[in-house]
Amino acid sequence: MASRKNRSGKANRRSPPRAAGLGDRLRARLSGLSARLRAWRWPAIVAATLLLFGASLVGGYWLAERLELSDGERLARDTLDDMKRGQATAPAPKYARIEDLPEMPKYTEAESGQPRPTVEEKPRAKPQPTASSTGETWRRNAVPFKDLASRPLIAIVIDDVGLDRPRSKRAWELPGPLTLSFLPYARDLREQAKAARARGHELMLHLPMEPNGRNDPGPNALLVSLSDNELRQRTNAALDSFDGFAGVNNHMGSRFTAFRPGMETVLRQLKGRGLMFLDSRTTPQSVGDQLAHEMGVPSIVRHVFLDDDESLDAVRRKLAEAEALARRQGFVVVIGHPHEATLVALGEWLPGVQSKGLALAPATAVLRKRNAWD
């Protein structure tokens, strides 16, 4: 092909040096790109490695979670299967009968953490004995006691008897006469009461009543929220729990004994059965003794608590306080419990009572002396 001519008549051919210049530029560009790729090679390798490592961690956690869930589901299924297989061969309950139940805990009442004060008698009008007084139950069940006048009387009442049977037994094995007050929900109650009476001790019923605070007075306690009919039923059920007791005193009851309508219901039941009432005076607000006096129910009050402080020295001091009060007013009613320190202190003190010019007496003897009854 003929080459084009320019205006001068010369052929217009591509210049080899120009073509070579394009190749050089292309090679230069490729060389620069290659250099840049070589410069980014190691950062790219590191980035790719990190990306792969992160992906492996995420995948590993996901896999571990799936495996753990699978194991948990399998364990749950196995446990349910074991439970179903074991239903037919389940062991018998530990306490199959009510007789096999362990001893109930001993219930005690702490009045705001403070010792309850000694109560000294205040003068009051003496009730006259009624024509039927000689046939009342409290007289029939009283421990005989003749010497009311020659010496000051000390009546030791042990509450909460019957629950802790070893210590209850230690209490009725002490020299007497003591007055033992049995809780109506104690096990083998009639047998324990007979054993105590056979040792020459007087018996009382320790009737559970509602305290202030959250302390538990035990089953079927008398509560201010109960109807009059329910109070009668619970009172009579407790009165029927055993025989041979001369009277009743309250177990706890710092709230209930301040509740006049409820106490009227209880005292009517006692009056109908010819029983005496001992106001344990767990609260200064108790209306028990005054109300009993108004209703013609024979009654006495607690003067000294032995063991709000259960240390041996404290019980000894309270016994000395009881001696002094007996000499001032001619009689004293002391309430304690079958605590270790109380039993030890009484074991030390009882043999020497007579030599101190005092007389150990049942609660009914104090009732007779307080009211000038024969």
Protein backbone atom coordinates (compact mmCIF):
# COMPACT_ATOMS: atom_id res chain seq x y z
CA MET A 1 0.00 0.00 0.00
CA ALA A 2 1.31 3.34 -1.02
CA SER A 3 2.02 5.66 1.83
CA ARG A 4 0.31 8.98 2.10
CA LYS A 5 2.32 12.00 1.06
CA ASN A 6 2.41 15.22 2.90
CA ARG A 7 2.25 18.61 1.32
CA SER A 8 5.97 18.43 0.58
CA GLY A 9 5.51 15.17 -1.40
CA LYS A 10 7.25 12.99 1.12
CA ALA A 11 5.73 9.81 2.44
CA ASN A 12 4.05 10.07 5.97
CA ARG A 13 5.45 6.95 7.85
CA ARG A 14 5.14 6.00 11.60
CA SER A 15 8.26 6.77 13.41
CA PRO A 16 9.93 3.77 15.17
CA PRO A 17 11.19 5.93 18.04
CA ARG A 18 7.56 6.97 18.86
CA ALA A 19 6.39 3.31 18.99
CA ALA A 20 9.26 2.47 21.25
CA GLY A 21 8.20 5.33 23.55
CA LEU A 22 4.72 3.82 24.08
CA GLY A 23 6.17 0.42 25.00
CA ASP A 24 8.49 2.01 27.46
CA ARG A 25 5.63 3.82 29.12
CA LEU A 26 3.57 0.60 29.33
CA ARG A 27 6.46 -1.31 30.78
CA ALA A 28 7.06 1.49 33.24
CA ARG A 29 3.42 1.38 34.36
CA LEU A 30 3.48 -2.40 34.77
CA SER A 31 6.73 -2.15 36.67
CA GLY A 32 5.23 0.47 39.04
CA LEU A 33 2.14 -1.69 39.62
CA SER A 34 4.29 -4.69 40.34
CA ALA A 35 6.34 -2.64 42.81
CA ARG A 36 3.17 -1.49 44.54
CA LEU A 37 1.87 -5.06 44.74
CA ARG A 38 5.17 -6.19 46.21
CA ALA A 39 4.95 -3.39 48.79
CA TRP A 40 1.37 -4.48 49.89
CA ARG A 41 2.08 -8.22 49.84
CA TRP A 42 2.98 -8.70 53.51
CA PRO A 43 0.25 -6.44 54.89
CA ALA A 44 -2.24 -8.35 52.77
CA ILE A 45 -0.92 -11.68 54.04
CA VAL A 46 -1.18 -10.50 57.65
CA ALA A 47 -4.71 -9.17 57.12
CA ALA A 48 -5.83 -12.40 55.51
CA THR A 49 -4.31 -14.43 58.36
CA LEU A 50 -6.11 -12.34 60.99
CA LEU A 51 -9.39 -12.65 59.11
CA LEU A 52 -9.07 -16.42 58.95
CA PHE A 53 -8.16 -16.61 62.67
CA GLY A 54 -11.19 -14.51 63.67
CA ALA A 55 -13.49 -16.62 61.56
CA SER A 56 -12.13 -19.78 63.20
CA LEU A 57 -12.81 -18.35 66.69
CA VAL A 58 -16.38 -17.40 65.87
CA GLY A 59 -16.99 -20.76 64.34
CA GLY A 60 -15.41 -22.53 67.31
CA TYR A 61 -17.58 -20.71 69.83
CA TRP A 62 -20.68 -21.46 67.82
CA LEU A 63 -19.75 -25.11 67.58
CA ALA A 64 -18.95 -25.33 71.31
CA GLU A 65 -22.29 -23.73 72.16
CA ARG A 66 -24.14 -26.19 69.97
CA LEU A 67 -22.28 -29.09 71.58
CA GLU A 68 -22.91 -27.81 75.10
CA LEU A 69 -26.62 -27.36 74.40
CA SER A 70 -26.76 -30.82 72.97
CA ASP A 71 -25.07 -32.24 76.07
CA GLY A 72 -27.47 -30.32 78.36
CA GLU A 73 -30.50 -31.57 76.47
CA ARG A 74 -29.16 -35.10 76.63
CA LEU A 75 -28.51 -34.77 80.39
CA ALA A 76 -32.03 -33.45 80.98
CA ARG A 77 -33.52 -36.35 79.03
CA ASP A 78 -31.42 -38.84 80.96
CA THR A 79 -32.44 -37.29 84.30
CA LEU A 80 -36.13 -37.44 83.42
CA ASP A 81 -35.77 -41.05 82.36
CA ASP A 82 -34.04 -41.90 85.66
CA MET A 83 -36.81 -40.19 87.61
CA LYS A 84 -39.47 -42.12 85.77
CA ARG A 85 -37.67 -45.40 86.33
CA GLY A 86 -37.20 -44.60 90.05
CA GLN A 87 -40.84 -43.79 90.79
CA ALA A 88 -41.80 -47.38 91.24
CA THR A 89 -38.93 -48.08 93.63
CA ALA A 90 -38.78 -44.77 95.56
CA PRO A 91 -37.68 -45.25 99.19
CA ALA A 92 -40.27 -44.95 101.93
CA PRO A 93 -40.43 -41.56 103.70
CA LYS A 94 -38.20 -41.25 106.74
CA TYR A 95 -41.14 -40.57 109.04
CA ALA A 96 -43.94 -42.81 107.87
CA ARG A 97 -45.98 -42.40 111.06
CA ILE A 98 -46.62 -39.44 113.30
CA GLU A 99 -45.18 -41.48 116.18
CA ASP A 100 -41.83 -41.55 114.36
CA LEU A 101 -41.49 -37.78 114.15
CA PRO A 102 -38.56 -36.30 116.07
CA GLU A 103 -39.12 -34.21 119.15
CA MET A 104 -40.58 -30.81 118.35
CA PRO A 105 -38.35 -27.87 119.17
CA LYS A 106 -38.85 -26.10 122.45
CA TYR A 107 -40.70 -22.84 122.00
CA THR A 108 -39.66 -19.92 124.14
CA GLU A 109 -40.63 -16.28 124.06
CA ALA A 110 -38.25 -13.36 124.34
CA GLU A 111 -40.05 -10.13 125.12
CA SER A 112 -38.10 -7.57 123.06
CA GLY A 113 -34.87 -9.13 124.28
CA GLN A 114 -35.32 -7.81 127.82
CA PRO A 115 -35.73 -9.84 131.05
CA ARG A 116 -39.30 -9.82 132.31
CA PRO A 117 -39.55 -8.01 135.63
CA THR A 118 -40.45 -9.54 138.96
CA VAL A 119 -44.06 -8.93 139.94
CA GLU A 120 -44.92 -8.14 143.54
CA GLU A 121 -48.45 -8.64 144.87
CA LYS A 122 -50.74 -5.64 145.17
CA PRO A 123 -53.55 -5.62 147.76
CA ARG A 124 -56.90 -6.65 146.33
CA ALA A 125 -60.28 -7.72 147.63
CA LYS A 126 -60.23 -11.35 148.75
CA PRO A 127 -62.82 -13.54 147.02
CA GLN A 128 -64.99 -15.57 149.32
CA PRO A 129 -65.01 -19.35 148.83
CA THR A 130 -68.22 -20.56 147.26
CA ALA A 131 -70.33 -23.44 148.46
CA SER A 132 -69.10 -25.61 145.61
CA SER A 133 -65.40 -24.79 146.07
CA THR A 134 -64.63 -27.99 147.96
CA GLY A 135 -65.72 -30.04 144.94
CA GLU A 136 -63.77 -28.12 142.34
CA THR A 137 -61.36 -29.96 140.05
CA TRP A 138 -58.38 -27.89 141.13
CA ARG A 139 -58.86 -29.14 144.71
CA ARG A 140 -59.30 -32.77 143.68
CA ASN A 141 -56.12 -32.71 141.58
CA ALA A 142 -54.06 -30.66 144.03
CA VAL A 143 -51.04 -32.14 145.77
CA PRO A 144 -51.95 -32.24 149.50
CA PHE A 145 -50.27 -29.47 151.50
CA LYS A 146 -51.13 -28.58 155.10
CA ASP A 147 -48.68 -26.00 156.43
CA LEU A 148 -49.93 -22.76 154.86
CA ALA A 149 -49.25 -20.35 157.70
CA SER A 150 -46.00 -21.10 159.50
CA ARG A 151 -43.49 -20.41 156.74
CA PRO A 152 -43.30 -18.44 153.49
CA LEU A 153 -44.28 -20.58 150.49
CA ILE A 154 -42.28 -20.97 147.28
CA ALA A 155 -44.03 -22.61 144.32
CA ILE A 156 -41.66 -23.64 141.53
CA VAL A 157 -43.51 -24.04 138.21
CA ILE A 158 -41.62 -25.67 135.32
CA ASP A 159 -43.12 -24.72 131.95
CA ASP A 160 -42.71 -26.35 128.51
CA VAL A 161 -42.63 -29.84 130.01
CA GLY A 162 -43.10 -32.77 127.64
CA LEU A 163 -41.23 -31.73 124.51
CA ASP A 164 -37.61 -32.34 125.51
CA ARG A 165 -38.30 -35.66 127.19
CA PRO A 166 -34.85 -36.31 128.71
CA ARG A 167 -34.84 -32.91 130.41
CA SER A 168 -38.52 -33.18 131.30
CA LYS A 169 -37.72 -36.45 133.05
CA ARG A 170 -34.86 -34.76 134.91
CA ALA A 171 -37.32 -32.09 136.03
CA TRP A 172 -39.80 -34.54 137.54
CA GLU A 173 -36.99 -36.48 139.17
CA LEU A 174 -36.09 -33.39 141.24
CA PRO A 175 -37.30 -33.34 144.85
CA GLY A 176 -40.71 -31.74 145.18
CA PRO A 177 -43.40 -30.88 145.26
CA LEU A 178 -42.87 -28.92 142.05
CA THR A 179 -45.61 -27.88 139.63
CA LEU A 180 -45.02 -29.18 136.11
CA SER A 181 -46.90 -27.54 133.25
CA PHE A 182 -47.24 -29.78 130.17
CA LEU A 183 -47.75 -28.53 126.63
CA PRO A 184 -50.83 -30.17 125.05
CA TYR A 185 -49.00 -31.14 121.85
CA ALA A 186 -46.22 -33.12 123.58
CA ARG A 187 -45.87 -36.76 122.55
CA ASP A 188 -46.80 -39.51 125.01
CA LEU A 189 -48.40 -36.77 127.07
CA ARG A 190 -50.58 -38.91 129.32
CA GLU A 191 -47.73 -41.30 130.14
CA GLN A 192 -45.35 -38.44 130.92
CA ALA A 193 -47.93 -36.72 133.12
CA LYS A 194 -48.58 -39.93 135.06
CA ALA A 195 -44.85 -40.40 135.61
CA ALA A 196 -44.50 -36.84 136.93
CA ARG A 197 -47.49 -37.16 139.26
CA ALA A 198 -46.16 -40.47 140.56
CA ARG A 199 -43.10 -38.54 141.80
CA GLY A 200 -45.34 -36.27 143.90
CA HIS A 201 -45.51 -33.23 141.60
CA GLU A 202 -48.56 -31.16 140.80
CA LEU A 203 -49.66 -30.89 137.17
CA MET A 204 -50.83 -27.99 135.03
CA LEU A 205 -51.72 -27.53 131.36
CA HIS A 206 -49.48 -25.06 129.51
CA LEU A 207 -51.97 -23.52 127.07
CA PRO A 208 -50.39 -22.01 123.92
CA MET A 209 -51.41 -18.41 123.23
CA GLU A 210 -50.39 -15.84 120.66
CA PRO A 211 -47.27 -13.79 121.50
CA ASN A 212 -46.17 -10.42 120.25
CA GLY A 213 -43.66 -10.70 117.45
CA ARG A 214 -42.98 -13.76 115.32
CA ASN A 215 -42.30 -16.45 117.88
CA ASP A 216 -44.23 -19.65 117.26
CA PRO A 217 -46.36 -20.84 120.20
CA GLY A 218 -46.97 -24.20 118.55
CA PRO A 219 -49.96 -25.99 117.04
CA ASN A 220 -53.53 -24.83 117.73
CA ALA A 221 -52.50 -21.79 119.72
CA LEU A 222 -55.15 -19.29 120.78
CA LEU A 223 -55.02 -16.24 118.49
CA VAL A 224 -56.76 -12.90 118.68
CA SER A 225 -57.95 -13.37 115.08
CA LEU A 226 -59.97 -16.52 115.87
CA SER A 227 -63.72 -16.57 116.34
CA ASP A 228 -65.24 -17.19 119.75
CA ASN A 229 -66.34 -20.65 118.61
CA GLU A 230 -62.84 -21.56 117.38
CA LEU A 231 -61.30 -20.35 120.64
CA ARG A 232 -63.69 -22.59 122.61
CA GLN A 233 -62.87 -25.58 120.42
CA ARG A 234 -59.11 -25.12 120.70
CA THR A 235 -59.28 -24.52 124.44
CA ASN A 236 -61.41 -27.60 125.07
CA ALA A 237 -59.22 -29.77 122.83
CA ALA A 238 -56.20 -28.75 124.92
CA LEU A 239 -58.10 -29.33 128.17
CA ASP A 240 -58.92 -32.85 126.97
CA SER A 241 -55.31 -33.69 126.06
CA PHE A 242 -54.56 -35.35 129.43
CA ASP A 243 -55.98 -35.73 132.93
CA GLY A 244 -55.10 -34.90 136.51
CA PHE A 245 -54.03 -31.25 136.24
CA ALA A 246 -55.20 -28.62 138.69
CA GLY A 247 -55.16 -25.64 136.39
CA VAL A 248 -53.86 -23.83 133.34
CA ASN A 249 -51.19 -21.25 132.66
CA ASN A 250 -50.40 -19.49 129.42
CA HIS A 251 -47.57 -20.53 127.11
CA MET A 252 -46.28 -17.28 125.59
CA GLY A 253 -49.43 -15.18 125.13
CA SER A 254 -48.09 -11.64 125.42
CA ARG A 255 -50.61 -10.59 122.79
CA PHE A 256 -53.52 -12.88 123.63
CA THR A 257 -53.55 -12.35 127.40
CA ALA A 258 -53.99 -8.61 126.75
CA PHE A 259 -57.07 -9.37 124.60
CA ARG A 260 -60.03 -9.24 126.97
CA PRO A 261 -62.70 -10.89 124.75
CA GLY A 262 -60.48 -13.90 124.07
CA MET A 263 -59.48 -14.27 127.71
CA GLU A 264 -63.14 -14.16 128.74
CA THR A 265 -63.83 -17.10 126.43
CA VAL A 266 -60.92 -19.10 127.85
CA LEU A 267 -61.73 -18.36 131.49
CA ARG A 268 -65.35 -19.40 130.99
CA GLN A 269 -64.10 -22.83 129.91
CA LEU A 270 -61.86 -23.07 132.97
CA LYS A 271 -64.64 -22.01 135.30
CA GLY A 272 -66.97 -24.61 133.82
CA ARG A 273 -64.41 -27.32 134.56
CA GLY A 274 -63.51 -26.08 138.03
CA LEU A 275 -59.87 -25.30 137.14
CA MET A 276 -57.55 -22.58 138.42
CA PHE A 277 -55.63 -20.11 136.27
CA LEU A 278 -52.01 -19.04 136.66
CA ASP A 279 -51.28 -15.84 134.78
CA SER A 280 -47.68 -16.23 133.61
CA ARG A 281 -47.54 -12.46 133.10
CA THR A 282 -45.50 -12.52 129.90
CA THR A 283 -46.62 -8.91 129.46
CA PRO A 284 -47.58 -6.15 131.92
CA GLN A 285 -50.71 -5.61 129.79
CA SER A 286 -52.15 -9.02 130.67
CA VAL A 287 -55.77 -8.93 131.85
CA GLY A 288 -55.76 -12.60 132.87
CA ASP A 289 -55.54 -12.40 136.66
CA GLN A 290 -57.83 -9.38 137.05
CA LEU A 291 -60.43 -10.84 134.71
CA ALA A 292 -60.30 -14.21 136.48
CA HIS A 293 -60.90 -12.39 139.78
CA GLU A 294 -63.92 -10.60 138.27
CA MET A 295 -65.35 -13.84 136.84
CA GLY A 296 -64.84 -15.90 139.98
CA VAL A 297 -62.11 -18.14 138.52
CA PRO A 298 -59.45 -19.11 141.12
CA SER A 299 -56.19 -17.50 140.03
CA ILE A 300 -52.62 -16.64 140.95
CA VAL A 301 -49.84 -14.77 139.15
CA ARG A 302 -46.22 -15.38 138.33
CA HIS A 303 -43.83 -13.29 140.42
CA VAL A 304 -40.32 -14.34 139.26
CA PHE A 305 -38.97 -15.72 136.01
CA LEU A 306 -35.91 -17.85 136.68
CA ASP A 307 -34.24 -18.17 133.32
CA ASP A 308 -34.75 -15.29 130.89
CA ASP A 309 -30.96 -15.32 131.25
CA GLU A 310 -30.06 -19.01 131.00
CA SER A 311 -26.66 -18.75 132.67
CA LEU A 312 -26.20 -20.67 135.92
CA ASP A 313 -25.24 -17.59 137.96
CA ALA A 314 -28.30 -15.69 136.70
CA VAL A 315 -30.65 -18.52 137.73
CA ARG A 316 -29.02 -18.65 141.17
CA ARG A 317 -29.57 -14.90 141.59
CA LYS A 318 -33.22 -15.26 140.64
CA LEU A 319 -33.71 -18.00 143.22
CA ALA A 320 -32.25 -15.68 145.87
CA GLU A 321 -34.63 -12.94 144.67
CA ALA A 322 -37.55 -15.37 145.00
CA GLU A 323 -36.56 -16.17 148.59
CA ALA A 324 -36.54 -12.48 149.52
CA LEU A 325 -39.92 -11.85 147.91
CA ALA A 326 -41.47 -14.89 149.61
CA ARG A 327 -40.40 -13.49 152.98
CA ARG A 328 -41.90 -10.06 152.18
CA GLN A 329 -45.32 -11.18 150.99
CA GLY A 330 -45.64 -14.70 152.44
CA PHE A 331 -45.56 -16.61 149.15
CA VAL A 332 -44.03 -16.48 145.69
CA VAL A 333 -44.67 -18.19 142.35
CA VAL A 334 -41.53 -18.83 140.32
CA ILE A 335 -41.57 -19.98 136.68
CA GLY A 336 -38.65 -21.70 134.98
CA HIS A 337 -38.08 -24.07 132.08
CA PRO A 338 -36.25 -27.38 131.63
CA HIS A 339 -33.04 -25.63 130.54
CA GLU A 340 -29.72 -27.10 131.58
CA ALA A 341 -28.78 -24.20 133.89
CA THR A 342 -32.23 -24.20 135.50
CA LEU A 343 -32.13 -27.93 136.24
CA VAL A 344 -28.62 -27.69 137.68
CA ALA A 345 -29.45 -24.66 139.83
CA LEU A 346 -32.64 -26.26 141.17
CA GLY A 347 -30.74 -29.46 141.92
CA GLU A 348 -28.40 -27.39 144.10
CA TRP A 349 -31.08 -25.24 145.71
CA LEU A 350 -34.01 -27.54 146.48
CA PRO A 351 -32.39 -29.66 149.24
CA GLY A 352 -31.70 -26.53 151.34
CA VAL A 353 -35.11 -24.81 151.11
CA GLN A 354 -36.46 -26.03 154.45
CA SER A 355 -33.29 -25.12 156.33
CA LYS A 356 -33.79 -21.50 155.19
CA GLY A 357 -37.15 -21.32 156.93
CA LEU A 358 -39.08 -21.60 153.66
CA ALA A 359 -41.56 -24.19 152.41
CA LEU A 360 -41.55 -25.67 148.92
CA ALA A 361 -45.21 -25.79 147.91
CA PRO A 362 -47.42 -26.70 144.93
CA ALA A 363 -49.17 -23.91 143.05
CA THR A 364 -52.54 -24.78 144.63
CA ALA A 365 -51.10 -24.08 148.09
CA VAL A 366 -50.19 -20.55 147.01
CA LEU A 367 -53.72 -20.17 145.60
CA ARG A 368 -55.19 -21.14 148.95
CA LYS A 369 -52.87 -18.86 150.90
CA ARG A 370 -53.38 -15.91 148.58
CA ASN A 371 -57.15 -16.16 148.96
CA ALA A 372 -57.20 -17.25 152.63
CA TRP A 373 -58.86 -20.53 151.74
CA ASP A 374 -58.48 -23.69 153.81
